[in-house]
Amino acid sequence: MTEKEFVAEVTIEYKPSLSDPEGATIANDLMKRNGFEHVDRVRTAKLLRIHLKAANKDKAKSMVDKMCRELRLANPVSQDYSVSIA
């Protein structure tokens, strides 16, 4: 079976119940103070773009999910992650 090349995008962000100091700084200091009063809040995230080879899209997603869990790319206590395959 020939493997195909996929690009996985892993988005890592703080859980909704936790504060996001960087997002708060962006919202308060950089946006609201510069005339963007309509901004209510900002949440930040980290994006990992992983290039890999797999038999199909489902296998690629499964592999990346396994990487995230086993390598602890996201802290399970304070962060959530999502995986999408392009």
PDB file of N, CA and C in Angstrom:
ATOM      1  N   MET A   1       0.837  -1.175   0.000  1.00  0.00           N
ATOM      2  CA  MET A   1       0.000   0.000   0.000  1.00  0.00           C
ATOM      3  C   MET A   1       0.889   1.248   0.000  1.00  0.00           C
ATOM      4  N   THR A   2       0.577   2.170  -0.859  1.00  0.00           N
ATOM      5  CA  THR A   2       1.347   3.405  -0.970  1.00  0.00           C
ATOM      6  C   THR A   2       0.865   4.414   0.061  1.00  0.00           C
ATOM      7  N   GLU A   3       1.816   5.001   0.745  1.00  0.00           N
ATOM      8  CA  GLU A   3       1.462   6.035   1.715  1.00  0.00           C
ATOM      9  C   GLU A   3       1.397   7.378   1.022  1.00  0.00           C
ATOM     10  N   LYS A   4       0.508   8.227   1.508  1.00  0.00           N
ATOM     11  CA  LYS A   4       0.344   9.569   0.978  1.00  0.00           C
ATOM     12  C   LYS A   4       0.907  10.560   1.983  1.00  0.00           C
ATOM     13  N   GLU A   5       1.207  11.751   1.499  1.00  0.00           N
ATOM     14  CA  GLU A   5       1.696  12.794   2.393  1.00  0.00           C
ATOM     15  C   GLU A   5       0.522  13.644   2.870  1.00  0.00           C
ATOM     16  N   PHE A   6       0.501  13.902   4.164  1.00  0.00           N
ATOM     17  CA  PHE A   6      -0.542  14.712   4.784  1.00  0.00           C
ATOM     18  C   PHE A   6       0.096  15.820   5.599  1.00  0.00           C
ATOM     19  N   VAL A   7      -0.671  16.850   5.827  1.00  0.00           N
ATOM     20  CA  VAL A   7      -0.260  17.921   6.726  1.00  0.00           C
ATOM     21  C   VAL A   7      -1.310  18.001   7.829  1.00  0.00           C
ATOM     22  N   ALA A   8      -0.846  17.769   9.043  1.00  0.00           N
ATOM     23  CA  ALA A   8      -1.732  17.858  10.202  1.00  0.00           C
ATOM     24  C   ALA A   8      -1.519  19.199  10.877  1.00  0.00           C
ATOM     25  N   GLU A   9      -2.602  19.806  11.291  1.00  0.00           N
ATOM     26  CA  GLU A   9      -2.527  21.037  12.061  1.00  0.00           C
ATOM     27  C   GLU A   9      -3.078  20.750  13.447  1.00  0.00           C
ATOM     28  N   VAL A  10      -2.225  20.964  14.449  1.00  0.00           N
ATOM     29  CA  VAL A  10      -2.598  20.751  15.839  1.00  0.00           C
ATOM     30  C   VAL A  10      -2.720  22.127  16.482  1.00  0.00           C
ATOM     31  N   THR A  11      -3.888  22.432  16.988  1.00  0.00           N
ATOM     32  CA  THR A  11      -4.119  23.690  17.686  1.00  0.00           C
ATOM     33  C   THR A  11      -4.163  23.398  19.180  1.00  0.00           C
ATOM     34  N   ILE A  12      -3.307  24.100  19.925  1.00  0.00           N
ATOM     35  CA  ILE A  12      -3.223  23.913  21.373  1.00  0.00           C
ATOM     36  C   ILE A  12      -3.610  25.231  22.035  1.00  0.00           C
ATOM     37  N   GLU A  13      -4.577  25.152  22.953  1.00  0.00           N
ATOM     38  CA  GLU A  13      -5.007  26.368  23.637  1.00  0.00           C
ATOM     39  C   GLU A  13      -5.403  26.045  25.074  1.00  0.00           C
ATOM     40  N   TYR A  14      -5.401  27.107  25.903  1.00  0.00           N
ATOM     41  CA  TYR A  14      -5.821  26.933  27.289  1.00  0.00           C
ATOM     42  C   TYR A  14      -7.274  26.482  27.333  1.00  0.00           C
ATOM     43  N   LYS A  15      -7.593  25.669  28.327  1.00  0.00           N
ATOM     44  CA  LYS A  15      -8.974  25.254  28.517  1.00  0.00           C
ATOM     45  C   LYS A  15      -9.826  26.499  28.764  1.00  0.00           C
ATOM     46  N   PRO A  16     -11.085  26.495  28.318  1.00  0.00           N
ATOM     47  CA  PRO A  16     -11.938  27.685  28.441  1.00  0.00           C
ATOM     48  C   PRO A  16     -12.093  28.196  29.877  1.00  0.00           C
ATOM     49  N   SER A  17     -12.002  27.311  30.846  1.00  0.00           N
ATOM     50  CA  SER A  17     -12.189  27.718  32.242  1.00  0.00           C
ATOM     51  C   SER A  17     -10.955  28.401  32.837  1.00  0.00           C
ATOM     52  N   LEU A  18      -9.823  28.351  32.130  1.00  0.00           N
ATOM     53  CA  LEU A  18      -8.585  28.946  32.634  1.00  0.00           C
ATOM     54  C   LEU A  18      -8.319  30.297  31.995  1.00  0.00           C
ATOM     55  N   SER A  19      -7.608  31.119  32.738  1.00  0.00           N
ATOM     56  CA  SER A  19      -7.259  32.436  32.195  1.00  0.00           C
ATOM     57  C   SER A  19      -6.180  32.277  31.119  1.00  0.00           C
ATOM     58  N   ASP A  20      -6.135  33.241  30.237  1.00  0.00           N
ATOM     59  CA  ASP A  20      -5.149  33.280  29.163  1.00  0.00           C
ATOM     60  C   ASP A  20      -4.447  34.632  29.270  1.00  0.00           C
ATOM     61  N   PRO A  21      -3.357  34.709  30.054  1.00  0.00           N
ATOM     62  CA  PRO A  21      -2.698  35.998  30.287  1.00  0.00           C
ATOM     63  C   PRO A  21      -2.238  36.694  29.011  1.00  0.00           C
ATOM     64  N   GLU A  22      -1.731  35.936  28.066  1.00  0.00           N
ATOM     65  CA  GLU A  22      -1.274  36.549  26.814  1.00  0.00           C
ATOM     66  C   GLU A  22      -2.460  37.120  26.036  1.00  0.00           C
ATOM     67  N   GLY A  23      -3.549  36.384  25.986  1.00  0.00           N
ATOM     68  CA  GLY A  23      -4.750  36.873  25.314  1.00  0.00           C
ATOM     69  C   GLY A  23      -5.303  38.117  25.987  1.00  0.00           C
ATOM     70  N   ALA A  24      -5.288  38.128  27.326  1.00  0.00           N
ATOM     71  CA  ALA A  24      -5.769  39.293  28.065  1.00  0.00           C
ATOM     72  C   ALA A  24      -4.903  40.512  27.783  1.00  0.00           C
ATOM     73  N   THR A  25      -3.599  40.310  27.701  1.00  0.00           N
ATOM     74  CA  THR A  25      -2.690  41.417  27.396  1.00  0.00           C
ATOM     75  C   THR A  25      -2.966  41.972  26.013  1.00  0.00           C
ATOM     76  N   ILE A  26      -3.159  41.099  25.059  1.00  0.00           N
ATOM     77  CA  ILE A  26      -3.449  41.546  23.695  1.00  0.00           C
ATOM     78  C   ILE A  26      -4.750  42.343  23.672  1.00  0.00           C
ATOM     79  N   ALA A  27      -5.777  41.817  24.323  1.00  0.00           N
ATOM     80  CA  ALA A  27      -7.071  42.493  24.325  1.00  0.00           C
ATOM     81  C   ALA A  27      -7.001  43.842  25.031  1.00  0.00           C
ATOM     82  N   ASN A  28      -6.410  43.875  26.209  1.00  0.00           N
ATOM     83  CA  ASN A  28      -6.417  45.106  27.004  1.00  0.00           C
ATOM     84  C   ASN A  28      -5.393  46.127  26.543  1.00  0.00           C
ATOM     85  N   ASP A  29      -4.161  45.729  26.458  1.00  0.00           N
ATOM     86  CA  ASP A  29      -3.088  46.687  26.182  1.00  0.00           C
ATOM     87  C   ASP A  29      -2.966  47.053  24.712  1.00  0.00           C
ATOM     88  N   LEU A  30      -3.084  46.079  23.852  1.00  0.00           N
ATOM     89  CA  LEU A  30      -2.820  46.347  22.452  1.00  0.00           C
ATOM     90  C   LEU A  30      -4.058  46.765  21.667  1.00  0.00           C
ATOM     91  N   MET A  31      -5.211  46.238  21.991  1.00  0.00           N
ATOM     92  CA  MET A  31      -6.402  46.533  21.197  1.00  0.00           C
ATOM     93  C   MET A  31      -7.249  47.650  21.794  1.00  0.00           C
ATOM     94  N   LYS A  32      -7.698  47.466  23.007  1.00  0.00           N
ATOM     95  CA  LYS A  32      -8.613  48.446  23.607  1.00  0.00           C
ATOM     96  C   LYS A  32      -7.966  49.813  23.760  1.00  0.00           C
ATOM     97  N   ARG A  33      -6.706  49.835  24.078  1.00  0.00           N
ATOM     98  CA  ARG A  33      -6.014  51.119  24.245  1.00  0.00           C
ATOM     99  C   ARG A  33      -5.703  51.797  22.920  1.00  0.00           C
ATOM    100  N   ASN A  34      -5.891  51.085  21.838  1.00  0.00           N
ATOM    101  CA  ASN A  34      -5.588  51.648  20.527  1.00  0.00           C
ATOM    102  C   ASN A  34      -6.834  51.803  19.662  1.00  0.00           C
ATOM    103  N   GLY A  35      -7.967  52.030  20.299  1.00  0.00           N
ATOM    104  CA  GLY A  35      -9.167  52.368  19.548  1.00  0.00           C
ATOM    105  C   GLY A  35     -10.041  51.206  19.127  1.00  0.00           C
ATOM    106  N   PHE A  36      -9.773  50.003  19.602  1.00  0.00           N
ATOM    107  CA  PHE A  36     -10.605  48.856  19.240  1.00  0.00           C
ATOM    108  C   PHE A  36     -11.441  48.435  20.445  1.00  0.00           C
ATOM    109  N   GLU A  37     -12.278  49.359  20.913  1.00  0.00           N
ATOM    110  CA  GLU A  37     -13.073  49.135  22.115  1.00  0.00           C
ATOM    111  C   GLU A  37     -14.058  47.985  21.972  1.00  0.00           C
ATOM    112  N   HIS A  38     -14.417  47.631  20.753  1.00  0.00           N
ATOM    113  CA  HIS A  38     -15.387  46.566  20.523  1.00  0.00           C
ATOM    114  C   HIS A  38     -14.829  45.177  20.841  1.00  0.00           C
ATOM    115  N   VAL A  39     -13.536  45.060  21.059  1.00  0.00           N
ATOM    116  CA  VAL A  39     -12.935  43.757  21.390  1.00  0.00           C
ATOM    117  C   VAL A  39     -13.303  43.406  22.826  1.00  0.00           C
ATOM    118  N   ASP A  40     -13.949  42.274  23.007  1.00  0.00           N
ATOM    119  CA  ASP A  40     -14.363  41.824  24.329  1.00  0.00           C
ATOM    120  C   ASP A  40     -13.243  41.035  25.006  1.00  0.00           C
ATOM    121  N   ARG A  41     -12.721  40.031  24.306  1.00  0.00           N
ATOM    122  CA  ARG A  41     -11.597  39.257  24.831  1.00  0.00           C
ATOM    123  C   ARG A  41     -10.876  38.564  23.695  1.00  0.00           C
ATOM    124  N   VAL A  42      -9.680  38.128  23.988  1.00  0.00           N
ATOM    125  CA  VAL A  42      -8.843  37.430  23.015  1.00  0.00           C
ATOM    126  C   VAL A  42      -8.313  36.168  23.678  1.00  0.00           C
ATOM    127  N   ARG A  43      -8.349  35.062  22.974  1.00  0.00           N
ATOM    128  CA  ARG A  43      -7.747  33.812  23.444  1.00  0.00           C
ATOM    129  C   ARG A  43      -6.627  33.460  22.473  1.00  0.00           C
ATOM    130  N   THR A  44      -5.490  33.070  22.993  1.00  0.00           N
ATOM    131  CA  THR A  44      -4.368  32.712  22.141  1.00  0.00           C
ATOM    132  C   THR A  44      -4.283  31.194  21.992  1.00  0.00           C
ATOM    133  N   ALA A  45      -3.589  30.762  20.956  1.00  0.00           N
ATOM    134  CA  ALA A  45      -3.379  29.343  20.700  1.00  0.00           C
ATOM    135  C   ALA A  45      -2.039  29.164  20.004  1.00  0.00           C
ATOM    136  N   LYS A  46      -1.528  27.955  20.101  1.00  0.00           N
ATOM    137  CA  LYS A  46      -0.296  27.600  19.410  1.00  0.00           C
ATOM    138  C   LYS A  46      -0.682  26.622  18.300  1.00  0.00           C
ATOM    139  N   LEU A  47      -0.090  26.805  17.130  1.00  0.00           N
ATOM    140  CA  LEU A  47      -0.372  25.931  15.990  1.00  0.00           C
ATOM    141  C   LEU A  47       0.875  25.149  15.635  1.00  0.00           C
ATOM    142  N   LEU A  48       0.746  23.836  15.566  1.00  0.00           N
ATOM    143  CA  LEU A  48       1.822  22.964  15.091  1.00  0.00           C
ATOM    144  C   LEU A  48       1.401  22.420  13.734  1.00  0.00           C
ATOM    145  N   ARG A  49       2.247  22.528  12.764  1.00  0.00           N
ATOM    146  CA  ARG A  49       1.975  21.970  11.444  1.00  0.00           C
ATOM    147  C   ARG A  49       2.936  20.800  11.262  1.00  0.00           C
ATOM    148  N   ILE A  50       2.379  19.593  11.191  1.00  0.00           N
ATOM    149  CA  ILE A  50       3.179  18.371  11.133  1.00  0.00           C
ATOM    150  C   ILE A  50       2.984  17.708   9.775  1.00  0.00           C
ATOM    151  N   HIS A  51       4.069  17.515   9.038  1.00  0.00           N
ATOM    152  CA  HIS A  51       4.037  16.828   7.746  1.00  0.00           C
ATOM    153  C   HIS A  51       4.356  15.354   8.007  1.00  0.00           C
ATOM    154  N   LEU A  52       3.515  14.478   7.509  1.00  0.00           N
ATOM    155  CA  LEU A  52       3.726  13.053   7.743  1.00  0.00           C
ATOM    156  C   LEU A  52       3.175  12.229   6.589  1.00  0.00           C
ATOM    157  N   LYS A  53       3.570  10.973   6.572  1.00  0.00           N
ATOM    158  CA  LYS A  53       3.066  10.032   5.572  1.00  0.00           C
ATOM    159  C   LYS A  53       2.229   8.990   6.275  1.00  0.00           C
ATOM    160  N   ALA A  54       1.096   8.650   5.651  1.00  0.00           N
ATOM    161  CA  ALA A  54       0.185   7.654   6.214  1.00  0.00           C
ATOM    162  C   ALA A  54      -0.621   7.036   5.083  1.00  0.00           C
ATOM    163  N   ALA A  55      -1.258   5.911   5.388  1.00  0.00           N
ATOM    164  CA  ALA A  55      -2.045   5.201   4.378  1.00  0.00           C
ATOM    165  C   ALA A  55      -3.277   5.999   3.963  1.00  0.00           C
ATOM    166  N   ASN A  56      -3.875   6.720   4.916  1.00  0.00           N
ATOM    167  CA  ASN A  56      -5.062   7.513   4.616  1.00  0.00           C
ATOM    168  C   ASN A  56      -5.230   8.613   5.671  1.00  0.00           C
ATOM    169  N   LYS A  57      -6.243   9.423   5.476  1.00  0.00           N
ATOM    170  CA  LYS A  57      -6.479  10.575   6.355  1.00  0.00           C
ATOM    171  C   LYS A  57      -6.775  10.143   7.797  1.00  0.00           C
ATOM    172  N   ASP A  58      -7.567   9.090   7.955  1.00  0.00           N
ATOM    173  CA  ASP A  58      -7.897   8.615   9.301  1.00  0.00           C
ATOM    174  C   ASP A  58      -6.657   8.112  10.040  1.00  0.00           C
ATOM    175  N   LYS A  59      -5.784   7.397   9.330  1.00  0.00           N
ATOM    176  CA  LYS A  59      -4.543   6.915   9.949  1.00  0.00           C
ATOM    177  C   LYS A  59      -3.650   8.086  10.336  1.00  0.00           C
ATOM    178  N   ALA A  60      -3.581   9.084   9.472  1.00  0.00           N
ATOM    179  CA  ALA A  60      -2.761  10.260   9.760  1.00  0.00           C
ATOM    180  C   ALA A  60      -3.259  10.947  11.022  1.00  0.00           C
ATOM    181  N   LYS A  61      -4.570  11.127  11.131  1.00  0.00           N
ATOM    182  CA  LYS A  61      -5.136  11.783  12.312  1.00  0.00           C
ATOM    183  C   LYS A  61      -4.881  10.950  13.561  1.00  0.00           C
ATOM    184  N   SER A  62      -5.015   9.656  13.451  1.00  0.00           N
ATOM    185  CA  SER A  62      -4.768   8.767  14.581  1.00  0.00           C
ATOM    186  C   SER A  62      -3.312   8.846  15.041  1.00  0.00           C
ATOM    187  N   MET A  63      -2.393   8.897  14.086  1.00  0.00           N
ATOM    188  CA  MET A  63      -0.969   8.996  14.417  1.00  0.00           C
ATOM    189  C   MET A  63      -0.673  10.302  15.150  1.00  0.00           C
ATOM    190  N   VAL A  64      -1.225  11.387  14.662  1.00  0.00           N
ATOM    191  CA  VAL A  64      -0.974  12.696  15.271  1.00  0.00           C
ATOM    192  C   VAL A  64      -1.613  12.770  16.653  1.00  0.00           C
ATOM    193  N   ASP A  65      -2.799  12.225  16.799  1.00  0.00           N
ATOM    194  CA  ASP A  65      -3.439  12.195  18.109  1.00  0.00           C
ATOM    195  C   ASP A  65      -2.582  11.411  19.105  1.00  0.00           C
ATOM    196  N   LYS A  66      -2.030  10.301  18.660  1.00  0.00           N
ATOM    197  CA  LYS A  66      -1.145   9.499  19.508  1.00  0.00           C
ATOM    198  C   LYS A  66       0.101  10.298  19.893  1.00  0.00           C
ATOM    199  N   MET A  67       0.672  11.039  18.952  1.00  0.00           N
ATOM    200  CA  MET A  67       1.832  11.892  19.243  1.00  0.00           C
ATOM    201  C   MET A  67       1.484  12.896  20.329  1.00  0.00           C
ATOM    202  N   CYS A  68       0.329  13.530  20.174  1.00  0.00           N
ATOM    203  CA  CYS A  68      -0.083  14.560  21.129  1.00  0.00           C
ATOM    204  C   CYS A  68      -0.225  13.985  22.536  1.00  0.00           C
ATOM    205  N   ARG A  69      -0.809  12.806  22.633  1.00  0.00           N
ATOM    206  CA  ARG A  69      -1.018  12.195  23.946  1.00  0.00           C
ATOM    207  C   ARG A  69       0.282  11.667  24.540  1.00  0.00           C
ATOM    208  N   GLU A  70       1.047  10.909  23.761  1.00  0.00           N
ATOM    209  CA  GLU A  70       2.242  10.259  24.299  1.00  0.00           C
ATOM    210  C   GLU A  70       3.400  11.225  24.522  1.00  0.00           C
ATOM    211  N   LEU A  71       3.533  12.218  23.666  1.00  0.00           N
ATOM    212  CA  LEU A  71       4.622  13.186  23.812  1.00  0.00           C
ATOM    213  C   LEU A  71       4.198  14.390  24.642  1.00  0.00           C
ATOM    214  N   ARG A  72       2.929  14.400  25.042  1.00  0.00           N
ATOM    215  CA  ARG A  72       2.364  15.507  25.839  1.00  0.00           C
ATOM    216  C   ARG A  72       2.655  16.856  25.195  1.00  0.00           C
ATOM    217  N   LEU A  73       2.294  16.961  23.923  1.00  0.00           N
ATOM    218  CA  LEU A  73       2.464  18.223  23.207  1.00  0.00           C
ATOM    219  C   LEU A  73       1.590  19.309  23.820  1.00  0.00           C
ATOM    220  N   ALA A  74       0.521  18.891  24.458  1.00  0.00           N
ATOM    221  CA  ALA A  74      -0.337  19.812  25.207  1.00  0.00           C
ATOM    222  C   ALA A  74      -0.403  19.300  26.637  1.00  0.00           C
ATOM    223  N   ASN A  75      -0.434  20.222  27.578  1.00  0.00           N
ATOM    224  CA  ASN A  75      -0.565  19.858  28.983  1.00  0.00           C
ATOM    225  C   ASN A  75      -2.022  19.479  29.238  1.00  0.00           C
ATOM    226  N   PRO A  76      -2.312  18.209  29.542  1.00  0.00           N
ATOM    227  CA  PRO A  76      -3.710  17.789  29.682  1.00  0.00           C
ATOM    228  C   PRO A  76      -4.447  18.445  30.843  1.00  0.00           C
ATOM    229  N   VAL A  77      -3.735  18.994  31.795  1.00  0.00           N
ATOM    230  CA  VAL A  77      -4.364  19.653  32.934  1.00  0.00           C
ATOM    231  C   VAL A  77      -4.896  21.030  32.548  1.00  0.00           C
ATOM    232  N   SER A  78      -4.121  21.749  31.736  1.00  0.00           N
ATOM    233  CA  SER A  78      -4.482  23.143  31.450  1.00  0.00           C
ATOM    234  C   SER A  78      -4.803  23.446  29.985  1.00  0.00           C
ATOM    235  N   GLN A  79      -4.555  22.496  29.099  1.00  0.00           N
ATOM    236  CA  GLN A  79      -4.725  22.772  27.685  1.00  0.00           C
ATOM    237  C   GLN A  79      -5.567  21.727  26.978  1.00  0.00           C
ATOM    238  N   ASP A  80      -6.237  22.153  25.938  1.00  0.00           N
ATOM    239  CA  ASP A  80      -6.940  21.268  25.009  1.00  0.00           C
ATOM    240  C   ASP A  80      -6.221  21.334  23.676  1.00  0.00           C
ATOM    241  N   TYR A  81      -6.380  20.295  22.879  1.00  0.00           N
ATOM    242  CA  TYR A  81      -5.821  20.335  21.529  1.00  0.00           C
ATOM    243  C   TYR A  81      -6.830  19.750  20.560  1.00  0.00           C
ATOM    244  N   SER A  82      -6.706  20.190  19.318  1.00  0.00           N
ATOM    245  CA  SER A  82      -7.537  19.624  18.256  1.00  0.00           C
ATOM    246  C   SER A  82      -6.633  19.356  17.061  1.00  0.00           C
ATOM    247  N   VAL A  83      -6.990  18.339  16.306  1.00  0.00           N
ATOM    248  CA  VAL A  83      -6.193  17.921  15.146  1.00  0.00           C
ATOM    249  C   VAL A  83      -7.055  17.997  13.903  1.00  0.00           C
ATOM    250  N   SER A  84      -6.519  18.633  12.867  1.00  0.00           N
ATOM    251  CA  SER A  84      -7.175  18.609  11.564  1.00  0.00           C
ATOM    252  C   SER A  84      -6.139  18.188  10.531  1.00  0.00           C
ATOM    253  N   ILE A  85      -6.596  17.473   9.531  1.00  0.00           N
ATOM    254  CA  ILE A  85      -5.712  16.961   8.491  1.00  0.00           C
ATOM    255  C   ILE A  85      -6.056  17.648   7.183  1.00  0.00           C
ATOM    256  N   ALA A  86      -5.044  18.243   6.561  1.00  0.00           N
ATOM    257  CA  ALA A  86      -5.250  18.926   5.278  1.00  0.00           C
ATOM    258  C   ALA A  86      -4.898  17.986   4.149  1.00  0.00           C
TER     259      ALA A  86
END
